[in-house]
């Protein structure tokens, strides 16, 4: 057997090892579907409990508590959908980078939304969605915060300013 034939066999083997990524693609898709399912079930329960808000009558304190819990729950739902989206983008990006371009994606007007051309492109898209998850989590914690002194309020204001700066910088980087 000559060296060229051995080299060809080895390179074919190396090239085909990229298909191991399909495991991560399938696992990410299953996890994304699970997160979409869980967030949707949370929406169902959220809507089913909204009738309690009007049944509280004039109890302002109870309505305020239920409102706070509802807003927190909505933020958790948004967080769940964002996480599911991250997993979906990750699965599609890995597939396009390592296995094959998705023909249906290239034939639609939405192809630019999920078009992944490099690992850096995938990281950038994932990073933006993860940033949104972090912002949603910050918002969730900020809703439930109780301020006991001026420093705590100043820390919240600083966090909001940093989020604004981060969004500005990520937007400036994109253009």
N, C-alpha and C. Protein backbone atom coordinates (compact mmCIF):
# COMPACT_ATOMS: atom_id res chain seq x y z
N UNK A 1 0.85 -1.18 0.00
CA UNK A 1 0.00 0.00 0.00
C UNK A 1 0.90 1.24 0.00
N UNK A 2 0.65 2.14 -0.92
CA UNK A 2 1.53 3.29 -0.97
C UNK A 2 1.09 4.38 0.01
N UNK A 3 1.96 5.32 0.25
CA UNK A 3 1.75 6.38 1.23
C UNK A 3 0.54 7.24 0.87
N UNK A 4 0.35 7.53 -0.41
CA UNK A 4 -0.78 8.37 -0.84
C UNK A 4 -2.11 7.73 -0.48
N UNK A 5 -2.21 6.41 -0.65
CA UNK A 5 -3.46 5.72 -0.35
C UNK A 5 -3.72 5.73 1.16
N UNK A 6 -2.69 5.50 1.96
CA UNK A 6 -2.82 5.54 3.43
C UNK A 6 -3.22 6.95 3.87
N UNK A 7 -2.57 7.94 3.28
CA UNK A 7 -2.89 9.33 3.60
C UNK A 7 -4.34 9.64 3.25
N UNK A 8 -4.81 9.18 2.11
CA UNK A 8 -6.19 9.41 1.68
C UNK A 8 -7.18 8.76 2.66
N UNK A 9 -6.90 7.52 3.04
CA UNK A 9 -7.78 6.81 3.99
C UNK A 9 -7.82 7.54 5.33
N UNK A 10 -6.65 7.96 5.81
CA UNK A 10 -6.59 8.66 7.10
C UNK A 10 -7.30 10.01 7.03
N UNK A 11 -7.10 10.75 5.94
CA UNK A 11 -7.76 12.04 5.80
C UNK A 11 -9.28 11.89 5.66
N UNK A 12 -9.71 10.84 5.01
CA UNK A 12 -11.14 10.56 4.91
C UNK A 12 -11.71 10.28 6.30
N UNK A 13 -11.00 9.48 7.07
CA UNK A 13 -11.42 9.20 8.44
C UNK A 13 -11.49 10.49 9.25
N UNK A 14 -10.43 11.30 9.18
CA UNK A 14 -10.41 12.57 9.91
C UNK A 14 -11.58 13.46 9.51
N UNK A 15 -11.82 13.58 8.22
CA UNK A 15 -12.90 14.44 7.74
C UNK A 15 -14.25 13.94 8.23
N UNK A 16 -14.45 12.65 8.27
CA UNK A 16 -15.74 12.09 8.69
C UNK A 16 -15.96 12.16 10.20
N UNK A 17 -14.91 12.41 10.97
CA UNK A 17 -15.09 12.54 12.42
C UNK A 17 -15.93 13.77 12.78
N UNK A 18 -16.07 14.68 11.83
CA UNK A 18 -16.89 15.87 12.09
C UNK A 18 -18.34 15.50 12.38
N UNK A 19 -18.77 14.33 11.92
CA UNK A 19 -20.15 13.90 12.13
C UNK A 19 -20.47 13.61 13.59
N UNK A 20 -19.45 13.53 14.45
CA UNK A 20 -19.72 13.35 15.88
C UNK A 20 -20.48 14.55 16.43
N UNK A 21 -20.38 15.68 15.74
CA UNK A 21 -21.09 16.89 16.15
C UNK A 21 -22.60 16.69 16.10
N UNK A 22 -23.06 15.75 15.28
CA UNK A 22 -24.49 15.48 15.18
C UNK A 22 -25.06 15.10 16.56
N UNK A 23 -24.27 14.46 17.39
CA UNK A 23 -24.71 14.13 18.75
C UNK A 23 -25.06 15.40 19.51
N UNK A 24 -24.18 16.40 19.44
CA UNK A 24 -24.44 17.68 20.11
C UNK A 24 -25.64 18.40 19.49
N UNK A 25 -25.78 18.30 18.18
CA UNK A 25 -26.91 18.93 17.50
C UNK A 25 -28.23 18.34 17.99
N UNK A 26 -28.30 17.02 18.01
CA UNK A 26 -29.53 16.34 18.44
C UNK A 26 -29.81 16.63 19.91
N UNK A 27 -28.78 16.55 20.75
CA UNK A 27 -28.97 16.82 22.18
C UNK A 27 -29.42 18.26 22.40
N UNK A 28 -28.86 19.21 21.66
CA UNK A 28 -29.26 20.61 21.80
C UNK A 28 -30.70 20.81 21.35
N UNK A 29 -31.09 20.15 20.27
CA UNK A 29 -32.47 20.26 19.80
C UNK A 29 -33.46 19.69 20.81
N UNK A 30 -33.13 18.54 21.37
CA UNK A 30 -34.01 17.93 22.38
C UNK A 30 -34.13 18.85 23.59
N UNK A 31 -33.01 19.41 24.01
CA UNK A 31 -33.03 20.32 25.16
C UNK A 31 -33.80 21.59 24.83
N UNK A 32 -33.65 22.10 23.61
CA UNK A 32 -34.40 23.30 23.20
C UNK A 32 -35.90 23.02 23.22
N UNK A 33 -36.30 21.86 22.67
CA UNK A 33 -37.71 21.51 22.68
C UNK A 33 -38.22 21.37 24.11
N UNK A 34 -37.40 20.81 24.99
CA UNK A 34 -37.80 20.68 26.39
C UNK A 34 -38.01 22.05 27.03
N UNK A 35 -37.11 23.00 26.74
CA UNK A 35 -37.25 24.35 27.30
C UNK A 35 -38.47 25.06 26.72
N UNK A 36 -38.71 24.92 25.41
CA UNK A 36 -39.92 25.51 24.81
C UNK A 36 -41.17 24.92 25.47
N UNK A 37 -41.17 23.62 25.68
CA UNK A 37 -42.31 22.96 26.32
C UNK A 37 -42.52 23.48 27.74
N UNK A 38 -41.44 23.54 28.52
CA UNK A 38 -41.56 23.99 29.91
C UNK A 38 -42.04 25.44 29.98
N UNK A 39 -41.49 26.30 29.14
CA UNK A 39 -41.89 27.71 29.15
C UNK A 39 -43.36 27.85 28.74
N UNK A 40 -43.79 27.04 27.78
CA UNK A 40 -45.18 27.10 27.32
C UNK A 40 -46.12 26.61 28.41
N UNK A 41 -45.75 25.57 29.13
CA UNK A 41 -46.56 25.10 30.26
C UNK A 41 -46.63 26.20 31.31
N UNK A 42 -45.51 26.88 31.56
CA UNK A 42 -45.51 28.00 32.51
C UNK A 42 -46.47 29.10 32.07
N UNK A 43 -46.53 29.38 30.76
CA UNK A 43 -47.47 30.38 30.25
C UNK A 43 -48.90 29.93 30.50
N UNK A 44 -49.17 28.66 30.27
CA UNK A 44 -50.51 28.14 30.51
C UNK A 44 -50.93 28.36 31.97
N UNK A 45 -50.06 27.99 32.91
CA UNK A 45 -50.39 28.16 34.32
C UNK A 45 -50.48 29.64 34.71
N UNK A 46 -49.65 30.46 34.08
CA UNK A 46 -49.70 31.90 34.33
C UNK A 46 -51.06 32.46 33.92
N UNK A 47 -51.51 32.11 32.75
CA UNK A 47 -52.81 32.59 32.26
C UNK A 47 -53.95 32.05 33.11
N UNK A 48 -53.85 30.79 33.52
CA UNK A 48 -54.92 30.20 34.32
C UNK A 48 -55.04 30.85 35.70
N UNK A 49 -53.97 31.47 36.19
CA UNK A 49 -54.02 32.12 37.51
C UNK A 49 -54.37 33.61 37.43
N UNK A 50 -54.50 34.14 36.23
CA UNK A 50 -54.80 35.57 36.10
C UNK A 50 -56.19 35.92 36.62
N UNK A 51 -57.11 34.97 36.62
CA UNK A 51 -58.45 35.22 37.15
C UNK A 51 -58.44 35.58 38.62
N UNK A 52 -57.42 35.12 39.34
CA UNK A 52 -57.32 35.43 40.77
C UNK A 52 -57.12 36.92 41.02
N UNK A 53 -56.52 37.61 40.06
CA UNK A 53 -56.20 39.03 40.24
C UNK A 53 -57.48 39.85 40.43
N UNK A 54 -58.50 39.58 39.62
CA UNK A 54 -59.75 40.34 39.76
C UNK A 54 -60.58 39.84 40.92
N UNK A 55 -60.40 38.60 41.32
CA UNK A 55 -61.20 38.05 42.42
C UNK A 55 -60.72 38.53 43.78
N UNK A 56 -59.61 39.25 43.83
CA UNK A 56 -59.11 39.75 45.11
C UNK A 56 -59.90 40.96 45.60
N UNK A 57 -60.77 41.45 44.77
CA UNK A 57 -61.60 42.59 45.18
C UNK A 57 -60.76 43.83 45.35
N UNK A 58 -60.92 44.47 46.48
CA UNK A 58 -60.21 45.71 46.73
C UNK A 58 -58.97 45.54 47.58
N UNK A 59 -58.53 44.30 47.81
CA UNK A 59 -57.34 44.07 48.64
C UNK A 59 -56.09 44.48 47.86
N UNK A 60 -55.71 45.73 48.04
CA UNK A 60 -54.60 46.32 47.29
C UNK A 60 -53.29 45.58 47.56
N UNK A 61 -53.05 45.23 48.80
CA UNK A 61 -51.79 44.55 49.16
C UNK A 61 -51.70 43.18 48.51
N UNK A 62 -52.80 42.44 48.51
CA UNK A 62 -52.82 41.11 47.88
C UNK A 62 -52.64 41.25 46.36
N UNK A 63 -53.27 42.26 45.76
CA UNK A 63 -53.10 42.49 44.32
C UNK A 63 -51.66 42.86 44.00
N UNK A 64 -51.06 43.67 44.86
CA UNK A 64 -49.67 44.07 44.65
C UNK A 64 -48.74 42.86 44.71
N UNK A 65 -48.97 41.98 45.67
CA UNK A 65 -48.17 40.76 45.81
C UNK A 65 -48.35 39.85 44.60
N UNK A 66 -49.61 39.65 44.19
CA UNK A 66 -49.88 38.80 43.03
C UNK A 66 -49.30 39.40 41.75
N UNK A 67 -49.38 40.71 41.64
CA UNK A 67 -48.81 41.39 40.47
C UNK A 67 -47.30 41.17 40.41
N UNK A 68 -46.64 41.32 41.55
CA UNK A 68 -45.19 41.11 41.60
C UNK A 68 -44.83 39.68 41.24
N UNK A 69 -45.58 38.72 41.77
CA UNK A 69 -45.33 37.32 41.45
C UNK A 69 -45.57 37.04 39.97
N UNK A 70 -46.60 37.65 39.41
CA UNK A 70 -46.92 37.46 38.00
C UNK A 70 -45.83 38.03 37.10
N UNK A 71 -45.36 39.23 37.41
CA UNK A 71 -44.29 39.83 36.61
C UNK A 71 -43.03 38.97 36.70
N UNK A 72 -42.72 38.49 37.89
CA UNK A 72 -41.56 37.61 38.05
C UNK A 72 -41.73 36.34 37.22
N UNK A 73 -42.93 35.80 37.23
CA UNK A 73 -43.20 34.59 36.46
C UNK A 73 -43.06 34.86 34.95
N UNK A 74 -43.53 36.01 34.50
CA UNK A 74 -43.41 36.38 33.09
C UNK A 74 -41.94 36.48 32.70
N UNK A 75 -41.14 37.07 33.57
CA UNK A 75 -39.71 37.19 33.31
C UNK A 75 -39.08 35.80 33.22
N UNK A 76 -39.50 34.88 34.07
CA UNK A 76 -38.98 33.51 34.02
C UNK A 76 -39.36 32.83 32.71
N UNK A 77 -40.58 33.09 32.22
CA UNK A 77 -41.02 32.52 30.94
C UNK A 77 -40.16 33.05 29.80
N UNK A 78 -39.94 34.37 29.80
CA UNK A 78 -39.09 34.97 28.76
C UNK A 78 -37.70 34.36 28.82
N UNK A 79 -37.19 34.18 30.03
CA UNK A 79 -35.88 33.57 30.23
C UNK A 79 -35.85 32.15 29.65
N UNK A 80 -36.90 31.39 29.88
CA UNK A 80 -36.98 30.02 29.35
C UNK A 80 -36.99 30.01 27.83
N UNK A 81 -37.77 30.89 27.22
CA UNK A 81 -37.80 30.97 25.76
C UNK A 81 -36.45 31.42 25.20
N UNK A 82 -35.81 32.36 25.87
CA UNK A 82 -34.49 32.81 25.40
C UNK A 82 -33.47 31.67 25.46
N UNK A 83 -33.49 30.91 26.55
CA UNK A 83 -32.58 29.77 26.68
C UNK A 83 -32.85 28.73 25.59
N UNK A 84 -34.12 28.48 25.32
CA UNK A 84 -34.48 27.55 24.25
C UNK A 84 -33.96 28.05 22.91
N UNK A 85 -34.04 29.36 22.70
CA UNK A 85 -33.54 29.95 21.47
C UNK A 85 -32.03 29.79 21.34
N UNK A 86 -31.32 29.98 22.45
CA UNK A 86 -29.86 29.78 22.45
C UNK A 86 -29.54 28.36 22.01
N UNK A 87 -30.24 27.40 22.57
CA UNK A 87 -29.98 26.00 22.23
C UNK A 87 -30.31 25.71 20.77
N UNK A 88 -31.36 26.31 20.26
CA UNK A 88 -31.73 26.12 18.86
C UNK A 88 -30.68 26.73 17.93
N UNK A 89 -30.26 27.96 18.22
CA UNK A 89 -29.21 28.60 17.42
C UNK A 89 -27.93 27.79 17.47
N UNK A 90 -27.59 27.29 18.65
CA UNK A 90 -26.39 26.48 18.82
C UNK A 90 -26.46 25.22 17.96
N UNK A 91 -27.60 24.53 17.99
CA UNK A 91 -27.76 23.30 17.21
C UNK A 91 -27.66 23.58 15.71
N UNK A 92 -28.37 24.60 15.25
CA UNK A 92 -28.34 24.93 13.83
C UNK A 92 -26.94 25.38 13.39
N UNK A 93 -26.31 26.18 14.24
CA UNK A 93 -24.96 26.66 13.92
C UNK A 93 -23.94 25.55 13.85
N UNK A 94 -23.97 24.64 14.82
CA UNK A 94 -23.04 23.50 14.78
C UNK A 94 -23.26 22.66 13.53
N UNK A 95 -24.52 22.43 13.22
CA UNK A 95 -24.81 21.62 12.03
C UNK A 95 -24.27 22.28 10.77
N UNK A 96 -24.54 23.58 10.63
CA UNK A 96 -24.07 24.28 9.43
C UNK A 96 -22.55 24.37 9.36
N UNK A 97 -21.90 24.50 10.49
CA UNK A 97 -20.44 24.63 10.48
C UNK A 97 -19.72 23.31 10.23
N UNK A 98 -20.25 22.23 10.79
CA UNK A 98 -19.51 20.97 10.75
C UNK A 98 -20.08 19.91 9.82
N UNK A 99 -21.37 19.98 9.53
CA UNK A 99 -21.97 18.90 8.75
C UNK A 99 -22.34 19.39 7.34
N UNK A 100 -23.29 20.31 7.26
CA UNK A 100 -23.76 20.75 5.94
C UNK A 100 -24.58 22.02 6.09
N UNK A 101 -24.59 22.83 5.04
CA UNK A 101 -25.49 23.98 5.01
C UNK A 101 -26.92 23.48 4.96
N UNK A 102 -27.82 24.21 5.59
CA UNK A 102 -29.23 23.84 5.57
C UNK A 102 -29.87 24.51 4.36
N UNK A 103 -30.23 23.70 3.38
CA UNK A 103 -30.73 24.22 2.10
C UNK A 103 -32.00 25.05 2.28
N UNK A 104 -32.91 24.59 3.12
CA UNK A 104 -34.17 25.31 3.33
C UNK A 104 -33.93 26.70 3.92
N UNK A 105 -32.91 26.84 4.75
CA UNK A 105 -32.61 28.13 5.36
C UNK A 105 -32.11 29.12 4.32
N UNK A 106 -31.37 28.64 3.35
CA UNK A 106 -30.82 29.52 2.33
C UNK A 106 -31.88 29.94 1.32
N UNK A 107 -32.98 29.18 1.23
CA UNK A 107 -34.04 29.48 0.27
C UNK A 107 -35.11 30.42 0.82
N UNK A 108 -34.96 30.86 2.08
CA UNK A 108 -35.99 31.71 2.68
C UNK A 108 -35.46 33.12 2.90
N UNK A 109 -36.38 34.03 3.19
CA UNK A 109 -36.00 35.41 3.49
C UNK A 109 -35.37 35.53 4.87
N UNK A 110 -35.56 34.53 5.72
CA UNK A 110 -35.06 34.56 7.10
C UNK A 110 -33.67 33.96 7.23
N UNK A 111 -33.02 33.68 6.13
CA UNK A 111 -31.74 32.98 6.19
C UNK A 111 -30.68 33.78 6.95
N UNK A 112 -30.77 35.12 6.92
CA UNK A 112 -29.75 35.92 7.61
C UNK A 112 -29.86 35.80 9.13
N UNK A 113 -31.04 35.46 9.61
CA UNK A 113 -31.23 35.34 11.06
C UNK A 113 -30.41 34.19 11.63
N UNK A 114 -30.39 33.09 10.93
CA UNK A 114 -29.72 31.90 11.44
C UNK A 114 -28.49 31.50 10.63
N UNK A 115 -28.07 32.34 9.70
CA UNK A 115 -26.90 32.02 8.90
C UNK A 115 -25.64 32.09 9.75
N UNK A 116 -24.95 30.99 9.86
CA UNK A 116 -23.72 30.90 10.63
C UNK A 116 -22.60 30.55 9.67
N UNK A 117 -21.60 31.44 9.57
CA UNK A 117 -20.52 31.22 8.61
C UNK A 117 -19.20 30.83 9.25
N UNK A 118 -19.08 31.03 10.57
CA UNK A 118 -17.83 30.69 11.26
C UNK A 118 -18.13 30.49 12.73
N UNK A 119 -17.14 29.95 13.45
CA UNK A 119 -17.31 29.79 14.90
C UNK A 119 -17.47 31.14 15.58
N UNK A 120 -16.76 32.15 15.09
CA UNK A 120 -16.90 33.49 15.66
C UNK A 120 -18.32 34.02 15.47
N UNK A 121 -18.90 33.77 14.31
CA UNK A 121 -20.28 34.18 14.04
C UNK A 121 -21.24 33.49 15.00
N UNK A 122 -21.03 32.18 15.22
CA UNK A 122 -21.85 31.43 16.16
C UNK A 122 -21.70 31.98 17.57
N UNK A 123 -20.46 32.23 17.97
CA UNK A 123 -20.22 32.78 19.32
C UNK A 123 -20.87 34.15 19.48
N UNK A 124 -20.80 34.98 18.46
CA UNK A 124 -21.41 36.31 18.53
C UNK A 124 -22.91 36.22 18.70
N UNK A 125 -23.55 35.38 17.90
CA UNK A 125 -25.00 35.24 17.99
C UNK A 125 -25.42 34.66 19.34
N UNK A 126 -24.69 33.64 19.79
CA UNK A 126 -25.01 33.07 21.10
C UNK A 126 -24.75 34.08 22.21
N UNK A 127 -23.67 34.81 22.08
CA UNK A 127 -23.33 35.81 23.10
C UNK A 127 -24.42 36.86 23.24
N UNK A 128 -25.01 37.28 22.15
CA UNK A 128 -26.08 38.29 22.21
C UNK A 128 -27.32 37.74 22.91
N UNK A 129 -27.67 36.50 22.60
CA UNK A 129 -28.84 35.92 23.25
C UNK A 129 -28.56 35.66 24.73
N UNK A 130 -27.36 35.20 25.04
CA UNK A 130 -27.00 34.99 26.44
C UNK A 130 -27.00 36.32 27.19
N UNK A 131 -26.55 37.39 26.55
CA UNK A 131 -26.62 38.71 27.15
C UNK A 131 -28.06 39.08 27.48
N UNK A 132 -28.98 38.78 26.58
CA UNK A 132 -30.39 39.05 26.85
C UNK A 132 -30.89 38.23 28.03
N UNK A 133 -30.44 36.99 28.14
CA UNK A 133 -30.83 36.16 29.29
C UNK A 133 -30.33 36.79 30.59
N UNK A 134 -29.09 37.26 30.57
CA UNK A 134 -28.54 37.91 31.77
C UNK A 134 -29.30 39.18 32.13
N UNK A 135 -29.69 39.93 31.11
CA UNK A 135 -30.47 41.15 31.37
C UNK A 135 -31.82 40.79 31.97
N UNK A 136 -32.46 39.76 31.43
CA UNK A 136 -33.74 39.33 31.96
C UNK A 136 -33.58 38.86 33.41
N UNK A 137 -32.51 38.11 33.71
CA UNK A 137 -32.26 37.67 35.08
C UNK A 137 -32.02 38.86 36.01
N UNK A 138 -31.28 39.85 35.54
CA UNK A 138 -31.04 41.06 36.32
C UNK A 138 -32.38 41.74 36.62
N UNK A 139 -33.22 41.85 35.59
CA UNK A 139 -34.54 42.46 35.76
C UNK A 139 -35.36 41.68 36.79
N UNK A 140 -35.30 40.35 36.71
CA UNK A 140 -36.05 39.52 37.65
C UNK A 140 -35.62 39.78 39.09
N UNK A 141 -34.31 39.88 39.31
CA UNK A 141 -33.81 40.15 40.66
C UNK A 141 -34.11 41.58 41.09
N UNK A 142 -34.05 42.51 40.15
CA UNK A 142 -34.32 43.91 40.48
C UNK A 142 -35.76 44.11 40.91
N UNK A 143 -36.68 43.36 40.31
CA UNK A 143 -38.10 43.48 40.68
C UNK A 143 -38.31 43.11 42.15
N UNK A 144 -37.60 42.10 42.61
CA UNK A 144 -37.81 41.59 43.97
C UNK A 144 -36.89 42.22 45.00
N UNK A 145 -36.06 43.18 44.58
CA UNK A 145 -35.13 43.80 45.52
C UNK A 145 -35.85 44.72 46.50
N UNK A 146 -35.36 44.71 47.69
CA UNK A 146 -35.81 45.69 48.69
C UNK A 146 -34.61 46.54 49.04
N UNK A 147 -34.81 47.84 49.01
CA UNK A 147 -33.71 48.76 49.24
C UNK A 147 -33.76 49.27 50.67
N UNK A 148 -32.64 49.07 51.38
CA UNK A 148 -32.57 49.47 52.79
C UNK A 148 -31.71 50.70 52.99
N UNK A 149 -30.89 51.02 51.97
CA UNK A 149 -30.07 52.22 52.09
C UNK A 149 -29.74 52.75 50.69
N UNK A 150 -29.12 53.91 50.66
CA UNK A 150 -28.83 54.57 49.39
C UNK A 150 -27.81 53.78 48.56
N UNK A 151 -26.89 53.07 49.21
CA UNK A 151 -25.89 52.31 48.47
C UNK A 151 -26.53 51.21 47.62
N UNK A 152 -27.54 50.54 48.16
CA UNK A 152 -28.21 49.48 47.41
C UNK A 152 -28.93 50.05 46.18
N UNK A 153 -29.54 51.22 46.34
CA UNK A 153 -30.19 51.87 45.22
C UNK A 153 -29.16 52.32 44.19
N UNK A 154 -28.02 52.81 44.66
CA UNK A 154 -26.93 53.21 43.78
C UNK A 154 -26.36 52.01 43.03
N UNK A 155 -26.26 50.87 43.70
CA UNK A 155 -25.78 49.64 43.05
C UNK A 155 -26.73 49.21 41.94
N UNK A 156 -28.03 49.32 42.17
CA UNK A 156 -29.02 49.01 41.14
C UNK A 156 -28.85 49.96 39.95
N UNK A 157 -28.71 51.25 40.23
CA UNK A 157 -28.51 52.23 39.16
C UNK A 157 -27.24 51.94 38.38
N UNK A 158 -26.17 51.54 39.07
CA UNK A 158 -24.92 51.18 38.41
C UNK A 158 -25.10 49.96 37.52
N UNK A 159 -25.84 48.98 38.00
CA UNK A 159 -26.12 47.79 37.19
C UNK A 159 -26.90 48.14 35.93
N UNK A 160 -27.88 49.01 36.07
CA UNK A 160 -28.67 49.44 34.91
C UNK A 160 -27.78 50.20 33.92
N UNK A 161 -26.90 51.06 34.43
CA UNK A 161 -25.99 51.81 33.56
C UNK A 161 -25.05 50.86 32.82
N UNK A 162 -24.55 49.84 33.51
CA UNK A 162 -23.67 48.86 32.86
C UNK A 162 -24.40 48.06 31.79
N UNK A 163 -25.65 47.74 32.05
CA UNK A 163 -26.44 47.04 31.03
C UNK A 163 -26.63 47.93 29.81
N UNK A 164 -26.93 49.20 30.04
CA UNK A 164 -27.08 50.14 28.93
C UNK A 164 -25.79 50.26 28.13
N UNK A 165 -24.67 50.35 28.82
CA UNK A 165 -23.37 50.44 28.15
C UNK A 165 -23.08 49.17 27.34
N UNK A 166 -23.38 48.03 27.92
CA UNK A 166 -23.17 46.75 27.23
C UNK A 166 -24.02 46.67 25.96
N UNK A 167 -25.28 47.06 26.06
CA UNK A 167 -26.15 47.03 24.88
C UNK A 167 -25.64 48.01 23.82
N UNK A 168 -25.19 49.17 24.25
CA UNK A 168 -24.63 50.14 23.31
C UNK A 168 -23.41 49.57 22.60
N UNK A 169 -22.51 48.97 23.36
CA UNK A 169 -21.28 48.44 22.77
C UNK A 169 -21.56 47.26 21.85
N UNK A 170 -22.49 46.38 22.19
CA UNK A 170 -22.80 45.26 21.30
C UNK A 170 -23.50 45.75 20.05
N UNK A 171 -24.31 46.81 20.17
CA UNK A 171 -24.96 47.38 18.99
C UNK A 171 -23.92 48.09 18.11
N UNK A 172 -23.00 48.81 18.72
CA UNK A 172 -21.96 49.51 17.97
C UNK A 172 -21.06 48.52 17.24
N UNK A 173 -20.78 47.37 17.87
CA UNK A 173 -19.93 46.34 17.27
C UNK A 173 -20.60 45.73 16.04
N UNK A 174 -21.93 45.62 16.09
CA UNK A 174 -22.65 45.01 14.99
C UNK A 174 -22.68 45.90 13.74
N UNK A 175 -22.51 47.18 13.94
CA UNK A 175 -22.59 48.10 12.79
C UNK A 175 -21.28 48.68 12.49
